[in-house]
Amino acid sequence: MAGETITRADLSEAVYQKIGLSRTESAALVETVLDEISDCILRGENVKLSSFGSFIVRKKGLRVGRNPKTGVEVPIEPRLVMVFKPSNVMKARVNGQEFEGEDD
């Protein structure tokens, strides 16, 4: 693994190369897709992309944390967090395997 970070511009370039839209249209398409995913998440909706994974919004309740240096307990306020759960297909691909079975 190269550890490289892929940017919006990289995604737009890939769409341009593979689909054949203009660079402007490719950038607009990528922006539209990312905006729609973001809007859904901000509304508290889960986003499931088959064979890729799900972006899930979870509620974390009030809990007690501890300052590791002092040991003093402090309350951690309730909040929403977003997690990404890869599909079984994606997990298999990351591990260089072929997926057998139904995708989640």
N, C-alpha and C. Protein backbone atom coordinates (compact mmCIF):
# COMPACT_ATOMS: atom_id res chain seq x y z
N MET A 1 0.83 -1.19 0.00
CA MET A 1 0.00 0.00 0.00
C MET A 1 0.87 1.24 0.00
N ALA A 2 0.50 2.18 -0.83
CA ALA A 2 1.30 3.38 -0.97
C ALA A 2 1.03 4.38 0.15
N GLY A 3 -0.15 4.35 0.76
CA GLY A 3 -0.49 5.31 1.79
C GLY A 3 -0.83 6.67 1.22
N GLU A 4 -1.15 6.73 -0.05
CA GLU A 4 -1.45 7.98 -0.72
C GLU A 4 -2.86 8.43 -0.39
N THR A 5 -3.07 9.73 -0.32
CA THR A 5 -4.39 10.29 -0.09
C THR A 5 -5.00 10.69 -1.42
N ILE A 6 -6.23 10.25 -1.66
CA ILE A 6 -6.95 10.59 -2.88
C ILE A 6 -7.81 11.81 -2.61
N THR A 7 -7.75 12.79 -3.49
CA THR A 7 -8.49 14.03 -3.32
C THR A 7 -9.69 14.09 -4.26
N ARG A 8 -10.51 15.12 -4.08
CA ARG A 8 -11.64 15.34 -5.00
C ARG A 8 -11.13 15.49 -6.43
N ALA A 9 -10.02 16.20 -6.57
CA ALA A 9 -9.45 16.40 -7.91
C ALA A 9 -9.04 15.05 -8.52
N ASP A 10 -8.50 14.16 -7.70
CA ASP A 10 -8.12 12.83 -8.19
C ASP A 10 -9.36 12.05 -8.64
N LEU A 11 -10.43 12.13 -7.85
CA LEU A 11 -11.67 11.45 -8.22
C LEU A 11 -12.24 12.03 -9.52
N SER A 12 -12.21 13.34 -9.63
CA SER A 12 -12.69 14.00 -10.85
C SER A 12 -11.88 13.56 -12.07
N GLU A 13 -10.57 13.47 -11.89
CA GLU A 13 -9.70 13.05 -12.99
C GLU A 13 -10.00 11.60 -13.40
N ALA A 14 -10.28 10.75 -12.41
CA ALA A 14 -10.61 9.35 -12.70
C ALA A 14 -11.92 9.27 -13.49
N VAL A 15 -12.91 10.07 -13.12
CA VAL A 15 -14.18 10.10 -13.86
C VAL A 15 -13.91 10.59 -15.28
N TYR A 16 -13.11 11.63 -15.41
CA TYR A 16 -12.76 12.16 -16.73
C TYR A 16 -12.10 11.09 -17.60
N GLN A 17 -11.15 10.36 -17.04
CA GLN A 17 -10.41 9.35 -17.79
C GLN A 17 -11.28 8.15 -18.16
N LYS A 18 -12.13 7.69 -17.21
CA LYS A 18 -12.87 6.45 -17.42
C LYS A 18 -14.22 6.64 -18.10
N ILE A 19 -14.87 7.75 -17.84
CA ILE A 19 -16.23 7.95 -18.36
C ILE A 19 -16.21 8.81 -19.63
N GLY A 20 -15.26 9.73 -19.69
CA GLY A 20 -15.16 10.55 -20.90
C GLY A 20 -15.93 11.85 -20.84
N LEU A 21 -16.44 12.22 -19.66
CA LEU A 21 -17.05 13.54 -19.52
C LEU A 21 -15.94 14.58 -19.58
N SER A 22 -16.30 15.82 -19.78
CA SER A 22 -15.28 16.87 -19.74
C SER A 22 -14.75 16.99 -18.31
N ARG A 23 -13.62 17.65 -18.15
CA ARG A 23 -13.07 17.83 -16.80
C ARG A 23 -14.04 18.61 -15.92
N THR A 24 -14.69 19.61 -16.49
CA THR A 24 -15.65 20.42 -15.73
C THR A 24 -16.85 19.57 -15.32
N GLU A 25 -17.38 18.79 -16.24
CA GLU A 25 -18.52 17.92 -15.94
C GLU A 25 -18.14 16.85 -14.92
N SER A 26 -16.94 16.32 -15.04
CA SER A 26 -16.47 15.29 -14.10
C SER A 26 -16.37 15.86 -12.70
N ALA A 27 -15.80 17.06 -12.58
CA ALA A 27 -15.68 17.71 -11.27
C ALA A 27 -17.06 17.99 -10.68
N ALA A 28 -18.00 18.44 -11.53
CA ALA A 28 -19.36 18.73 -11.06
C ALA A 28 -20.06 17.45 -10.60
N LEU A 29 -19.85 16.36 -11.32
CA LEU A 29 -20.46 15.09 -10.95
C LEU A 29 -19.95 14.61 -9.59
N VAL A 30 -18.64 14.65 -9.40
CA VAL A 30 -18.06 14.23 -8.12
C VAL A 30 -18.58 15.13 -6.99
N GLU A 31 -18.62 16.44 -7.22
CA GLU A 31 -19.12 17.38 -6.20
C GLU A 31 -20.57 17.07 -5.85
N THR A 32 -21.39 16.79 -6.85
CA THR A 32 -22.81 16.50 -6.62
C THR A 32 -22.98 15.24 -5.78
N VAL A 33 -22.24 14.20 -6.11
CA VAL A 33 -22.34 12.95 -5.35
C VAL A 33 -21.90 13.15 -3.91
N LEU A 34 -20.77 13.81 -3.71
CA LEU A 34 -20.27 14.04 -2.35
C LEU A 34 -21.20 14.96 -1.56
N ASP A 35 -21.76 15.97 -2.21
CA ASP A 35 -22.72 16.86 -1.54
C ASP A 35 -23.96 16.09 -1.10
N GLU A 36 -24.46 15.22 -1.95
CA GLU A 36 -25.66 14.44 -1.61
C GLU A 36 -25.39 13.51 -0.43
N ILE A 37 -24.24 12.85 -0.44
CA ILE A 37 -23.87 11.98 0.68
C ILE A 37 -23.77 12.81 1.97
N SER A 38 -23.11 13.96 1.89
CA SER A 38 -22.96 14.84 3.05
C SER A 38 -24.31 15.32 3.57
N ASP A 39 -25.18 15.75 2.67
CA ASP A 39 -26.51 16.23 3.07
C ASP A 39 -27.30 15.15 3.80
N CYS A 40 -27.25 13.93 3.28
CA CYS A 40 -27.97 12.82 3.92
C CYS A 40 -27.43 12.57 5.34
N ILE A 41 -26.12 12.56 5.48
CA ILE A 41 -25.51 12.33 6.78
C ILE A 41 -25.87 13.45 7.75
N LEU A 42 -25.86 14.71 7.27
CA LEU A 42 -26.21 15.84 8.13
C LEU A 42 -27.67 15.78 8.60
N ARG A 43 -28.52 15.16 7.80
CA ARG A 43 -29.93 14.97 8.20
C ARG A 43 -30.09 13.79 9.15
N GLY A 44 -28.99 13.11 9.45
CA GLY A 44 -29.04 11.97 10.36
C GLY A 44 -29.36 10.66 9.68
N GLU A 45 -29.33 10.64 8.36
CA GLU A 45 -29.63 9.43 7.61
C GLU A 45 -28.36 8.60 7.42
N ASN A 46 -28.53 7.30 7.36
CA ASN A 46 -27.42 6.41 7.03
C ASN A 46 -27.32 6.31 5.52
N VAL A 47 -26.11 6.19 5.00
CA VAL A 47 -25.88 6.07 3.56
C VAL A 47 -25.23 4.72 3.29
N LYS A 48 -25.92 3.88 2.51
CA LYS A 48 -25.39 2.56 2.18
C LYS A 48 -25.07 2.51 0.70
N LEU A 49 -23.80 2.22 0.40
CA LEU A 49 -23.36 2.08 -0.98
C LEU A 49 -23.00 0.61 -1.18
N SER A 50 -23.84 -0.09 -1.92
CA SER A 50 -23.68 -1.52 -2.12
C SER A 50 -22.27 -1.85 -2.62
N SER A 51 -21.71 -2.91 -2.09
CA SER A 51 -20.36 -3.40 -2.42
C SER A 51 -19.25 -2.46 -1.98
N PHE A 52 -19.60 -1.38 -1.26
CA PHE A 52 -18.60 -0.44 -0.76
C PHE A 52 -18.68 -0.37 0.75
N GLY A 53 -19.81 0.12 1.28
CA GLY A 53 -19.97 0.19 2.72
C GLY A 53 -21.06 1.17 3.10
N SER A 54 -21.18 1.41 4.40
CA SER A 54 -22.22 2.29 4.92
C SER A 54 -21.61 3.36 5.81
N PHE A 55 -22.13 4.58 5.65
CA PHE A 55 -21.82 5.67 6.56
C PHE A 55 -22.99 5.74 7.53
N ILE A 56 -22.71 5.52 8.81
CA ILE A 56 -23.76 5.40 9.80
C ILE A 56 -23.60 6.50 10.85
N VAL A 57 -24.72 7.16 11.19
CA VAL A 57 -24.71 8.17 12.23
C VAL A 57 -25.17 7.49 13.52
N ARG A 58 -24.36 7.59 14.56
CA ARG A 58 -24.68 6.96 15.84
C ARG A 58 -24.73 8.01 16.94
N LYS A 59 -25.60 7.76 17.92
CA LYS A 59 -25.69 8.64 19.09
C LYS A 59 -24.85 8.05 20.20
N LYS A 60 -24.00 8.88 20.77
CA LYS A 60 -23.23 8.46 21.94
C LYS A 60 -23.82 9.19 23.13
N GLY A 61 -24.14 8.45 24.15
CA GLY A 61 -24.74 9.03 25.33
C GLY A 61 -23.71 9.69 26.24
N LEU A 62 -24.21 10.33 27.28
CA LEU A 62 -23.35 10.92 28.30
C LEU A 62 -22.52 9.82 28.94
N ARG A 63 -21.24 10.07 29.09
CA ARG A 63 -20.39 9.10 29.76
C ARG A 63 -19.31 9.82 30.54
N VAL A 64 -18.67 9.07 31.39
CA VAL A 64 -17.61 9.64 32.21
C VAL A 64 -16.26 9.25 31.61
N GLY A 65 -15.44 10.25 31.36
CA GLY A 65 -14.10 10.02 30.88
C GLY A 65 -13.10 10.35 31.97
N ARG A 66 -11.87 10.05 31.71
CA ARG A 66 -10.84 10.31 32.71
C ARG A 66 -9.64 10.97 32.03
N ASN A 67 -9.15 12.05 32.63
CA ASN A 67 -7.94 12.69 32.14
C ASN A 67 -6.78 11.75 32.41
N PRO A 68 -6.07 11.28 31.36
CA PRO A 68 -5.01 10.29 31.58
C PRO A 68 -3.84 10.81 32.41
N LYS A 69 -3.60 12.11 32.39
CA LYS A 69 -2.49 12.66 33.17
C LYS A 69 -2.83 12.80 34.64
N THR A 70 -4.03 13.32 34.92
CA THR A 70 -4.38 13.62 36.31
C THR A 70 -5.28 12.58 36.95
N GLY A 71 -5.97 11.79 36.12
CA GLY A 71 -6.90 10.81 36.65
C GLY A 71 -8.24 11.41 37.05
N VAL A 72 -8.42 12.71 36.82
CA VAL A 72 -9.66 13.38 37.19
C VAL A 72 -10.77 12.96 36.22
N GLU A 73 -11.92 12.59 36.79
CA GLU A 73 -13.07 12.21 35.96
C GLU A 73 -13.77 13.45 35.44
N VAL A 74 -14.14 13.41 34.15
CA VAL A 74 -14.87 14.51 33.53
C VAL A 74 -16.01 13.95 32.71
N PRO A 75 -17.15 14.63 32.72
CA PRO A 75 -18.26 14.14 31.90
C PRO A 75 -18.01 14.44 30.42
N ILE A 76 -18.35 13.47 29.57
CA ILE A 76 -18.28 13.66 28.13
C ILE A 76 -19.72 13.76 27.64
N GLU A 77 -20.04 14.89 27.06
CA GLU A 77 -21.42 15.20 26.66
C GLU A 77 -21.91 14.25 25.56
N PRO A 78 -23.22 14.04 25.50
CA PRO A 78 -23.79 13.24 24.41
C PRO A 78 -23.48 13.91 23.07
N ARG A 79 -23.30 13.10 22.04
CA ARG A 79 -23.00 13.65 20.72
C ARG A 79 -23.33 12.63 19.64
N LEU A 80 -23.32 13.12 18.42
CA LEU A 80 -23.49 12.25 17.27
C LEU A 80 -22.12 11.99 16.67
N VAL A 81 -21.89 10.76 16.24
CA VAL A 81 -20.64 10.43 15.57
C VAL A 81 -20.97 9.70 14.27
N MET A 82 -20.10 9.84 13.30
CA MET A 82 -20.28 9.13 12.05
C MET A 82 -19.22 8.05 11.96
N VAL A 83 -19.65 6.87 11.57
CA VAL A 83 -18.72 5.76 11.39
C VAL A 83 -18.90 5.20 9.99
N PHE A 84 -17.84 4.61 9.48
CA PHE A 84 -17.91 3.93 8.19
C PHE A 84 -17.77 2.45 8.45
N LYS A 85 -18.70 1.68 7.92
CA LYS A 85 -18.66 0.23 8.06
C LYS A 85 -18.50 -0.35 6.66
N PRO A 86 -17.32 -0.89 6.35
CA PRO A 86 -17.13 -1.45 5.01
C PRO A 86 -18.00 -2.68 4.78
N SER A 87 -18.42 -2.87 3.54
CA SER A 87 -19.20 -4.06 3.19
C SER A 87 -18.28 -5.28 3.21
N ASN A 88 -18.88 -6.44 3.22
CA ASN A 88 -18.10 -7.68 3.17
C ASN A 88 -17.30 -7.77 1.87
N VAL A 89 -17.87 -7.24 0.79
CA VAL A 89 -17.17 -7.23 -0.49
C VAL A 89 -15.91 -6.37 -0.38
N MET A 90 -16.03 -5.19 0.22
CA MET A 90 -14.88 -4.29 0.36
C MET A 90 -13.83 -4.90 1.30
N LYS A 91 -14.28 -5.51 2.38
CA LYS A 91 -13.33 -6.15 3.30
C LYS A 91 -12.53 -7.22 2.57
N ALA A 92 -13.21 -8.02 1.76
CA ALA A 92 -12.52 -9.07 1.01
C ALA A 92 -11.53 -8.47 0.01
N ARG A 93 -11.93 -7.41 -0.68
CA ARG A 93 -11.05 -6.77 -1.66
C ARG A 93 -9.81 -6.18 -0.99
N VAL A 94 -9.99 -5.57 0.17
CA VAL A 94 -8.85 -4.99 0.90
C VAL A 94 -7.86 -6.08 1.29
N ASN A 95 -8.39 -7.26 1.60
CA ASN A 95 -7.54 -8.38 2.00
C ASN A 95 -7.08 -9.24 0.82
N GLY A 96 -7.34 -8.76 -0.42
CA GLY A 96 -6.88 -9.47 -1.60
C GLY A 96 -7.61 -10.77 -1.85
N GLN A 97 -8.85 -10.86 -1.38
CA GLN A 97 -9.63 -12.08 -1.54
C GLN A 97 -10.82 -11.81 -2.44
N GLU A 98 -11.37 -12.90 -2.96
CA GLU A 98 -12.62 -12.78 -3.70
C GLU A 98 -13.76 -13.01 -2.73
N PHE A 99 -14.79 -12.19 -2.83
CA PHE A 99 -15.92 -12.31 -1.92
C PHE A 99 -16.87 -13.39 -2.40
N GLU A 100 -17.30 -14.24 -1.49
CA GLU A 100 -18.29 -15.28 -1.79
C GLU A 100 -19.46 -15.09 -0.85
N GLY A 101 -20.64 -14.94 -1.39
CA GLY A 101 -21.82 -14.77 -0.55
C GLY A 101 -22.54 -13.49 -0.91
N GLU A 102 -23.49 -13.13 -0.04
CA GLU A 102 -24.29 -11.93 -0.27
C GLU A 102 -23.64 -10.74 0.38
N ASP A 103 -23.72 -9.59 -0.29
CA ASP A 103 -23.22 -8.34 0.27
C ASP A 103 -24.19 -7.86 1.33
N ASP A 104 -23.67 -7.14 2.34
CA ASP A 104 -24.57 -6.64 3.38
C ASP A 104 -25.23 -5.39 3.02
